[in-house]
C-alpha cells in the first residue's frame, strides 16, 4: 500500500515534489481519485493527494474567466456558473457511473488533465480549447506559471493546452484558468426514429452542414435507445437519431423547424423539450446508456462518415453494442469481457476501415486488463519519440504518474 501525502496549498505541493525528488520516490497524482479507471494503473511509491488544493481563486463573469484550484469539485463549479447563466462550453462528461462510482464526484483537475469533451465537442471543442492558464510544479521541483487570464497570452510551449489530456504525466497542477461562456438559454432536440446506423450517419452529416447550426448529433441503435431514461426515446421501440439546436428561443424554434422540414423524408420525428433534451444529452455525454457491469467499454474516434463501418462491424463480430456521438465521429462500443478486452480485433478493424485516421481508448476494464494491454492508441514511433522528449522537458526523472499512459 502506497503512503499518501496531502498538501493543503501550492507551497506544500512544491515541498512534496521536492521531497519526492530528494528521496528518489515516484508520485501518483490524484484529486478525488475518480478517474483511476481510465488509463493504465499507476505503480508509484507515494500518492500525492491534491484534493486539499480546492476553491475558487477568481471568477470574473463579465470577462468569462474562471481561475480555480485543481481539487475543486465539478458540482461546485457547475452551481457557481449556473447561478450566473454560464457554463463550461466543452460540456465535461461525468464517467463516474460508468465506472461504478457516484455521479458528480470528480474535480476540475481530473476533468482537464484527462482532456475529455462532451457531445458539444463538434462545435465547442474540448478542455484544451478552453484552457487559458496553469500553475504547477514540474519534475525539477520548480513552481511555474504559464498562460494567464486573457485569451491571447502564449509564448513558447502552450502549457495550458499541453496539460489537457496529459493525465498528470508532466507536472502537478496547482491552479487552472479556464474560459467560460454563456449557457444556451434554450435547447431543443429533433429526434428521428428508425434509421439504420449508416442512414443515421448520412442524416447527421446533412444536419451538421445545413444552416440550422446543429450543436450536437448522436445516434442510439434500438438496443441502446431502449435503456434511455428519456421516455420519448425508450418508448419508441426503435433506433433514435438526435440533433440538438441551441440558442435563444425564437431562433431555436425556427431552426429546429427548418431542420425537421429538411429531413422529413427520413422517418418519424419528434422534438424533445428542454428538460428531456438535457437528460438525453447527459446520458450520451456520460455514457449512462451503458450501465456499469462486467462488460468492457471502448471509445473510438474516427472520421464521422466511417463511424458506422467501424462500430457496427465490431458490434456484430464481437457480440457487442455501440452508439454514435459527435455525428458518428465518436463511437462507444460495449463488448463482453475478455482477458485482452478484444484489443487486437478492435484495433485491426479500426486500422482496416480508418487507417491512420482513428484511435481507440479502453474506457472500462478491470485493472489487471488495463495493466497488460495498451488502453490508449499506440502512437507511431515518431509521435512516441516526440512525446517522450516533451515529457522529459518537464519531468526528466519520470516521477509523475509513471506508467499511466504507456508501459
Protein backbone atom coordinates (compact mmCIF):
# COMPACT_ATOMS: atom_id res chain seq x y z
CA UNK A 1 0.00 0.00 0.00
CA UNK A 2 1.47 3.36 -1.07
CA UNK A 3 1.74 6.08 1.51
CA UNK A 4 -0.25 9.26 0.94
CA UNK A 5 0.90 12.87 1.12
CA UNK A 6 -1.84 15.50 1.28
CA UNK A 7 -0.63 19.08 0.69
CA UNK A 8 -3.10 21.78 1.65
CA UNK A 9 -1.78 24.52 -0.64
CA UNK A 10 0.60 25.19 -3.53
CA UNK A 11 3.61 25.76 -1.30
CA UNK A 12 3.13 22.38 0.37
CA UNK A 13 2.69 20.74 -3.04
CA UNK A 14 6.05 22.22 -4.09
CA UNK A 15 7.71 20.86 -0.97
CA UNK A 16 6.13 17.44 -1.55
CA UNK A 17 7.59 17.22 -5.05
CA UNK A 18 10.99 18.31 -3.77
CA UNK A 19 10.84 15.70 -1.02
CA UNK A 20 9.99 13.02 -3.58
CA UNK A 21 12.92 14.05 -5.76
CA UNK A 22 15.30 14.02 -2.81
CA UNK A 23 14.11 10.57 -1.73
CA UNK A 24 14.02 9.13 -5.25
CA UNK A 25 10.26 8.42 -4.97
CA UNK A 26 7.60 8.44 -7.67
CA UNK A 27 4.19 10.09 -7.25
CA UNK A 28 0.66 9.19 -8.26
CA UNK A 29 -1.25 12.45 -8.66
CA UNK A 30 -4.92 12.27 -7.67
CA UNK A 31 -7.73 14.61 -6.71
CA UNK A 32 -10.65 12.52 -5.53
CA UNK A 33 -9.29 9.50 -7.45
CA UNK A 34 -12.48 9.20 -9.53
CA UNK A 35 -10.58 8.70 -12.80
CA UNK A 36 -8.18 5.95 -11.77
CA UNK A 37 -10.11 3.57 -14.02
CA UNK A 38 -9.06 5.49 -17.14
CA UNK A 39 -5.66 4.51 -18.47
CA UNK A 40 -3.10 2.09 -17.03
CA UNK A 41 -2.85 1.52 -13.27
CA UNK A 42 -0.08 3.67 -11.79
CA UNK A 43 2.65 1.99 -9.77
CA UNK A 44 4.08 4.79 -7.62
CA UNK A 45 5.75 4.99 -4.23
CA UNK A 46 3.55 7.80 -2.91
CA UNK A 47 0.01 9.03 -3.62
CA UNK A 48 0.08 12.82 -3.87
CA UNK A 49 -3.49 13.76 -2.93
CA UNK A 50 -4.22 17.21 -4.36
CA UNK A 51 -7.84 17.35 -3.20
CA UNK A 52 -6.79 19.82 -0.50
CA UNK A 53 -5.95 22.36 -3.20
CA UNK A 54 -9.57 23.36 -3.57
CA UNK A 55 -11.58 26.53 -4.06
CA UNK A 56 -12.25 29.35 -6.48
CA UNK A 57 -9.28 31.70 -6.93
CA UNK A 58 -11.01 34.28 -9.13
CA UNK A 59 -14.25 34.41 -11.07
CA UNK A 60 -14.98 37.27 -13.45
CA UNK A 61 -18.33 36.58 -15.12
CA UNK A 62 -18.15 39.74 -17.20
CA UNK A 63 -14.75 38.68 -18.56
CA UNK A 64 -15.75 35.00 -18.96
CA UNK A 65 -12.77 33.90 -16.84
CA UNK A 66 -12.59 31.34 -14.03
CA UNK A 67 -9.42 30.60 -12.05
CA UNK A 68 -9.70 27.59 -9.77
CA UNK A 69 -7.58 25.14 -7.81
CA UNK A 70 -7.46 21.59 -9.22
CA UNK A 71 -9.16 19.86 -6.27
CA UNK A 72 -12.36 21.89 -6.68
CA UNK A 73 -15.39 19.69 -7.31
CA UNK A 74 -17.17 19.81 -10.64
CA UNK A 75 -20.50 20.05 -8.84
CA UNK A 76 -19.38 23.24 -7.06
CA UNK A 77 -18.15 24.77 -10.30
CA UNK A 78 -21.34 23.85 -12.12
CA UNK A 79 -23.51 25.50 -9.47
CA UNK A 80 -21.39 28.66 -9.47
CA UNK A 81 -21.51 29.07 -13.23
CA UNK A 82 -25.22 28.23 -13.47
CA UNK A 83 -26.01 30.99 -10.96
CA UNK A 84 -24.52 33.45 -13.46
CA UNK A 85 -26.05 31.87 -16.56
CA UNK A 86 -22.69 30.50 -17.70
CA UNK A 87 -21.12 27.09 -18.31
CA UNK A 88 -18.04 25.18 -19.38
CA UNK A 89 -18.92 25.02 -23.05
CA UNK A 90 -17.00 21.80 -23.69
CA UNK A 91 -19.70 20.04 -21.65
CA UNK A 92 -17.42 17.98 -19.38
CA UNK A 93 -18.61 14.39 -19.14
CA UNK A 94 -19.02 12.60 -15.82
CA UNK A 95 -17.92 8.99 -16.19
CA UNK A 96 -18.34 8.10 -12.51
CA UNK A 97 -21.41 5.88 -13.07
CA UNK A 98 -19.67 4.17 -16.00
CA UNK A 99 -17.02 3.01 -13.51
CA UNK A 100 -19.48 2.20 -10.73
CA UNK A 101 -18.78 5.41 -8.80
CA UNK A 102 -21.16 8.15 -7.60
CA UNK A 103 -22.12 10.82 -10.11
CA UNK A 104 -20.70 14.36 -9.91
CA UNK A 105 -17.86 13.36 -7.60
CA UNK A 106 -14.90 14.43 -9.79
CA UNK A 107 -12.73 17.53 -9.74
CA UNK A 108 -11.78 20.14 -12.32
CA UNK A 109 -8.16 18.97 -12.24
CA UNK A 110 -9.13 15.48 -13.36
CA UNK A 111 -11.52 16.90 -15.94
CA UNK A 112 -8.81 18.98 -17.60
CA UNK A 113 -5.96 16.50 -17.26
CA UNK A 114 -7.94 13.70 -18.90
CA UNK A 115 -8.97 16.08 -21.68
CA UNK A 116 -12.42 14.72 -22.47
CA UNK A 117 -15.16 16.81 -24.08
CA UNK A 118 -18.88 16.03 -24.33
CA UNK A 119 -21.37 15.95 -27.21
CA UNK A 120 -20.89 19.66 -27.93
CA UNK A 121 -17.24 18.97 -28.79
CA UNK A 122 -18.01 19.26 -32.51
CA UNK A 123 -18.83 22.93 -32.19
CA UNK A 124 -17.34 24.00 -28.83
CA UNK A 125 -14.12 21.99 -28.66
CA UNK A 126 -12.51 20.08 -25.79
CA UNK A 127 -10.95 21.19 -22.46
CA UNK A 128 -7.70 22.17 -24.21
CA UNK A 129 -9.61 24.75 -26.27
CA UNK A 130 -10.85 26.47 -23.10
CA UNK A 131 -7.65 26.33 -21.03
CA UNK A 132 -6.05 29.76 -20.67
CA UNK A 133 -3.56 29.46 -17.84
CA UNK A 134 -1.97 27.00 -15.47
CA UNK A 135 0.26 26.98 -12.40
CA UNK A 136 2.08 23.95 -11.12
CA UNK A 137 5.23 22.19 -10.00
CA UNK A 138 7.45 20.44 -12.55
CA UNK A 139 9.73 17.45 -12.19
CA UNK A 140 12.69 19.69 -11.35
CA UNK A 141 10.94 20.76 -8.15
CA UNK A 142 10.23 24.23 -9.55
CA UNK A 143 7.00 26.19 -9.31
CA UNK A 144 5.90 27.81 -12.58
CA UNK A 145 3.06 29.72 -14.18
CA UNK A 146 2.06 29.73 -17.85
CA UNK A 147 -0.63 31.45 -19.86
CA UNK A 148 -2.83 33.86 -17.94
CA UNK A 149 -6.28 35.32 -17.57
CA UNK A 150 -6.61 36.63 -21.11
CA UNK A 151 -7.28 34.64 -24.27
CA UNK A 152 -4.14 35.67 -26.19
CA UNK A 153 -1.26 35.17 -23.82
CA UNK A 154 1.01 32.40 -25.09
CA UNK A 155 4.76 32.21 -25.68
CA UNK A 156 6.85 29.07 -26.09
CA UNK A 157 5.07 25.86 -25.05
CA UNK A 158 1.30 26.40 -24.81
CA UNK A 159 1.27 24.66 -21.43
CA UNK A 160 -2.45 25.06 -20.65
CA UNK A 161 -3.31 23.15 -23.83
CA UNK A 162 -0.42 20.72 -23.43
CA UNK A 163 -1.62 19.80 -19.93
CA UNK A 164 -5.10 18.87 -21.16
CA UNK A 165 -5.00 15.15 -21.87
CA UNK A 166 -1.56 14.66 -20.29
CA UNK A 167 -3.03 12.55 -17.44
CA UNK A 168 -0.72 14.19 -14.90
CA UNK A 169 2.46 12.89 -16.52
CA UNK A 170 4.11 16.30 -16.99
CA UNK A 171 3.68 18.18 -13.70
CA UNK A 172 1.46 18.65 -10.67
CA UNK A 173 -1.07 21.41 -11.35
CA UNK A 174 -1.89 23.81 -8.52
CA UNK A 175 -4.18 26.27 -10.34
CA UNK A 176 -6.15 26.31 -13.60
CA UNK A 177 -7.60 29.25 -15.52
CA UNK A 178 -10.46 28.47 -17.90
CA UNK A 179 -12.61 30.32 -20.36
CA UNK A 180 -16.33 30.09 -19.59
CA UNK A 181 -19.23 31.03 -21.86
CA UNK A 182 -22.91 31.95 -21.54
CA UNK A 183 -25.07 28.85 -21.18
CA UNK A 184 -27.51 28.36 -24.08
CA UNK A 185 -30.84 29.76 -22.82
CA UNK A 186 -32.90 27.28 -24.86
CA UNK A 187 -32.26 23.91 -26.41
CA UNK A 188 -34.39 21.55 -28.45
CA UNK A 189 -33.56 18.18 -29.93
CA UNK A 190 -35.05 16.85 -33.12
CA UNK A 191 -35.49 13.08 -32.89
CA UNK A 192 -35.69 10.85 -35.95
CA UNK A 193 -36.73 7.25 -35.35
CA UNK A 194 -35.97 4.02 -37.13
CA UNK A 195 -32.79 4.82 -39.06
CA UNK A 196 -30.07 2.26 -39.63
CA UNK A 197 -26.57 3.15 -38.45
CA UNK A 198 -25.50 4.02 -42.00
CA UNK A 199 -28.60 6.11 -42.70
CA UNK A 200 -28.19 7.93 -39.39
CA UNK A 201 -24.57 8.83 -40.16
CA UNK A 202 -25.68 10.27 -43.50
CA UNK A 203 -28.52 12.21 -41.84
CA UNK A 204 -26.19 13.65 -39.19
CA UNK A 205 -23.77 14.75 -41.90
CA UNK A 206 -26.59 16.56 -43.72
CA UNK A 207 -27.72 18.21 -40.49
CA UNK A 208 -24.25 19.39 -39.48
CA UNK A 209 -23.77 21.01 -42.87
CA UNK A 210 -27.08 22.86 -43.02
CA UNK A 211 -27.90 26.42 -41.82
CA UNK A 212 -29.76 25.14 -38.73
CA UNK A 213 -26.48 25.31 -36.74
CA UNK A 214 -26.79 21.94 -35.05
CA UNK A 215 -24.54 21.88 -31.97
CA UNK A 216 -24.57 18.11 -31.31
CA UNK A 217 -25.57 14.97 -33.18
CA UNK A 218 -25.82 11.39 -31.95
CA UNK A 219 -27.41 8.06 -32.86
CA UNK A 220 -28.66 5.34 -30.49
CA UNK A 221 -29.41 1.97 -32.11
CA UNK A 222 -32.60 0.34 -30.85
CA UNK A 223 -30.92 -1.89 -28.26
CA UNK A 224 -29.23 1.17 -26.72
CA UNK A 225 -32.22 3.54 -27.03
CA UNK A 226 -34.38 1.06 -25.10
CA UNK A 227 -32.30 1.72 -21.96
CA UNK A 228 -32.69 5.51 -22.02
CA UNK A 229 -34.37 7.27 -19.11
CA UNK A 230 -35.99 9.68 -21.59
CA UNK A 231 -39.49 8.36 -22.20
CA UNK A 232 -39.68 9.71 -25.75
CA UNK A 233 -36.56 7.71 -26.63
CA UNK A 234 -37.11 4.47 -24.70
CA UNK A 235 -40.79 4.03 -25.58
CA UNK A 236 -40.27 4.39 -29.32
CA UNK A 237 -39.01 0.82 -29.66
CA UNK A 238 -36.67 1.87 -32.45
CA UNK A 239 -33.32 3.47 -33.09
CA UNK A 240 -33.11 7.17 -32.32
CA UNK A 241 -31.10 9.87 -34.05
CA UNK A 242 -30.76 13.10 -32.05
CA UNK A 243 -29.92 16.55 -33.42
CA UNK A 244 -29.55 19.37 -30.87
CA UNK A 245 -30.19 23.04 -31.61
CA UNK A 246 -29.29 25.70 -29.01
CA UNK A 247 -29.64 29.45 -28.58
CA UNK A 248 -32.38 31.99 -27.93
CA UNK A 249 -35.90 30.57 -28.11
CA UNK A 250 -37.26 32.18 -31.33
CA UNK A 251 -34.11 31.20 -33.22
CA UNK A 252 -34.09 27.67 -31.81
CA UNK A 253 -37.74 27.14 -32.73
CA UNK A 254 -37.21 28.38 -36.28
CA UNK A 255 -34.00 26.40 -36.84
CA UNK A 256 -35.50 23.19 -35.45
CA UNK A 257 -38.50 23.59 -37.79
CA UNK A 258 -36.14 24.10 -40.74
CA UNK A 259 -34.18 21.00 -39.75
CA UNK A 260 -37.36 18.93 -39.43
CA UNK A 261 -38.56 20.01 -42.85
CA UNK A 262 -35.20 19.26 -44.47
CA UNK A 263 -35.13 15.73 -43.01
CA UNK A 264 -38.86 14.98 -43.25
CA UNK A 265 -38.32 12.21 -45.78
CA UNK A 266 -36.24 10.09 -43.36
CA UNK A 267 -38.92 8.84 -40.98
CA UNK A 268 -40.93 9.55 -37.84
CA UNK A 269 -39.93 12.68 -35.94
CA UNK A 270 -40.42 14.24 -32.53
CA UNK A 271 -38.97 17.22 -30.68
CA UNK A 272 -37.66 16.93 -27.11
CA UNK A 273 -38.41 19.81 -24.76
CA UNK A 274 -35.77 21.49 -22.61
CA UNK A 275 -35.83 19.00 -19.71
CA UNK A 276 -35.89 15.88 -21.88
CA UNK A 277 -33.18 17.40 -24.05
CA UNK A 278 -30.93 18.00 -21.05
CA UNK A 279 -31.36 14.43 -19.78
CA UNK A 280 -30.82 12.86 -23.20
CA UNK A 281 -27.53 14.62 -23.83
CA UNK A 282 -26.30 13.92 -20.31
CA UNK A 283 -26.92 10.22 -20.98
CA UNK A 284 -24.84 10.46 -24.13
CA UNK A 285 -22.08 12.59 -22.61
CA UNK A 286 -21.64 10.31 -19.60
CA UNK A 287 -22.34 7.04 -21.44
CA UNK A 288 -25.15 6.41 -18.93
CA UNK A 289 -26.91 4.25 -21.51
CA UNK A 290 -24.06 1.76 -20.98
CA UNK A 291 -24.76 0.78 -17.36
CA UNK A 292 -22.00 -0.33 -15.05
CA UNK A 293 -21.12 -4.02 -15.02
CA UNK A 294 -18.60 -6.56 -16.26
CA UNK A 295 -18.82 -5.55 -19.93
CA UNK A 296 -15.80 -3.71 -21.29
CA UNK A 297 -16.21 -0.36 -22.98
CA UNK A 298 -14.16 1.30 -25.72
CA UNK A 299 -14.40 4.83 -27.14
CA UNK A 300 -13.31 5.06 -30.76
CA UNK A 301 -12.56 8.28 -32.61
CA UNK A 302 -12.85 8.16 -36.40
CA UNK A 303 -13.86 10.45 -39.27
CA UNK A 304 -17.65 10.72 -38.83
CA UNK A 305 -18.52 9.16 -42.18
CA UNK A 306 -16.64 6.00 -41.14
CA UNK A 307 -18.34 5.61 -37.78
CA UNK A 308 -20.95 3.05 -38.82
CA UNK A 309 -18.39 0.98 -40.74
CA UNK A 310 -16.30 0.58 -37.59
CA UNK A 311 -18.96 0.49 -34.87
CA UNK A 312 -21.50 -1.82 -36.49
CA UNK A 313 -18.84 -4.22 -37.75
CA UNK A 314 -17.23 -4.58 -34.33
CA UNK A 315 -20.55 -4.84 -32.51
CA UNK A 316 -21.69 -7.62 -34.84
CA UNK A 317 -18.40 -9.52 -34.91
CA UNK A 318 -17.85 -9.39 -31.14
CA UNK A 319 -21.48 -9.68 -29.94
CA UNK A 320 -21.50 -6.17 -28.53
CA UNK A 321 -23.43 -2.92 -28.73
CA UNK A 322 -22.47 0.54 -29.93
CA UNK A 323 -23.73 4.11 -30.12
CA UNK A 324 -22.52 7.14 -32.02
CA UNK A 325 -21.69 10.62 -30.71
CA UNK A 326 -20.07 13.59 -32.50
CA UNK A 327 -22.15 12.91 -35.66
CA UNK A 328 -20.58 9.46 -35.83
CA UNK A 329 -17.01 10.52 -35.06
CA UNK A 330 -17.16 9.18 -31.51
CA UNK A 331 -18.18 5.52 -31.28
CA UNK A 332 -18.94 3.99 -27.88
CA UNK A 333 -18.50 0.22 -28.04
CA UNK A 334 -19.63 -2.17 -25.28
CA UNK A 335 -18.23 -5.71 -25.51
CA UNK A 336 -18.36 -8.90 -23.42
CA UNK A 337 -15.43 -9.11 -21.02
CA UNK A 338 -12.26 -10.77 -22.34
CA UNK A 339 -8.73 -11.04 -20.91
CA UNK A 340 -7.36 -8.80 -23.67
CA UNK A 341 -10.51 -6.61 -23.93
CA UNK A 342 -10.66 -7.66 -27.60
CA UNK A 343 -7.90 -5.11 -28.27
CA UNK A 344 -6.38 -6.96 -31.29
CA UNK A 345 -9.75 -7.18 -33.06
CA UNK A 346 -10.79 -3.62 -32.18
CA UNK A 347 -7.57 -2.10 -33.45
CA UNK A 348 -7.41 -4.36 -36.53
CA UNK A 349 -10.88 -3.29 -37.68
CA UNK A 350 -10.10 0.34 -36.83
CA UNK A 351 -6.94 0.20 -38.96
CA UNK A 352 -8.71 -1.59 -41.83
CA UNK A 353 -11.56 0.94 -42.00
CA UNK A 354 -9.97 4.22 -40.84
CA UNK A 355 -6.27 3.61 -41.47
CA UNK A 356 -4.26 6.17 -39.55
CA UNK A 357 -7.28 8.44 -39.04
CA UNK A 358 -8.68 6.67 -35.98
CA UNK A 359 -7.81 5.72 -32.44
CA UNK A 360 -9.32 3.56 -29.72
CA UNK A 361 -9.31 4.14 -25.95
CA UNK A 362 -10.29 1.47 -23.45
CA UNK A 363 -12.71 3.30 -21.16
CA UNK A 364 -13.74 0.48 -18.83
CA UNK A 365 -11.98 -2.75 -17.89
CA UNK A 366 -10.55 -4.37 -14.78
CA UNK A 367 -7.15 -3.09 -13.57
CA UNK A 368 -5.41 -6.33 -14.48
CA UNK A 369 -6.64 -5.98 -18.07
CA UNK A 370 -5.56 -2.36 -18.33
CA UNK A 371 -2.14 -3.33 -16.97
CA UNK A 372 -1.49 -5.85 -19.72
CA UNK A 373 -2.77 -4.12 -22.87
CA UNK A 374 -2.46 -0.56 -24.17
CA UNK A 375 -5.60 1.34 -23.06
CA UNK A 376 -4.65 4.25 -25.33
CA UNK A 377 -3.98 4.02 -29.05
CA UNK A 378 -0.29 3.10 -29.53
CA UNK A 379 1.40 6.10 -31.19
CA UNK A 380 3.68 5.93 -34.19
CA UNK A 381 7.42 5.77 -33.47
CA UNK A 382 7.85 9.43 -34.41
CA UNK A 383 4.98 10.61 -32.19
CA UNK A 384 6.17 8.44 -29.30
CA UNK A 385 9.68 9.89 -29.55
CA UNK A 386 8.35 13.45 -29.66
CA UNK A 387 6.05 12.83 -26.69
CA UNK A 388 8.94 11.41 -24.68
CA UNK A 389 11.14 14.41 -25.46
CA UNK A 390 8.38 16.77 -24.36
CA UNK A 391 7.76 14.80 -21.17
CA UNK A 392 11.43 14.91 -20.24
CA UNK A 393 11.40 18.70 -20.58
CA UNK A 394 9.06 18.77 -17.57
CA UNK A 395 9.73 15.54 -15.69
CA UNK A 396 13.21 14.21 -16.53
CA UNK A 397 13.21 11.60 -13.73
CA UNK A 398 9.71 10.31 -14.52
CA UNK A 399 8.29 10.85 -11.04
CA UNK A 400 4.73 11.83 -12.07
CA UNK A 401 2.17 9.06 -12.70
CA UNK A 402 4.67 6.52 -14.04
CA UNK A 403 3.04 4.00 -16.37
CA UNK A 404 -0.30 5.84 -16.56
CA UNK A 405 -0.29 6.28 -20.31
CA UNK A 406 2.32 3.75 -21.52
CA UNK A 407 4.12 0.78 -20.03
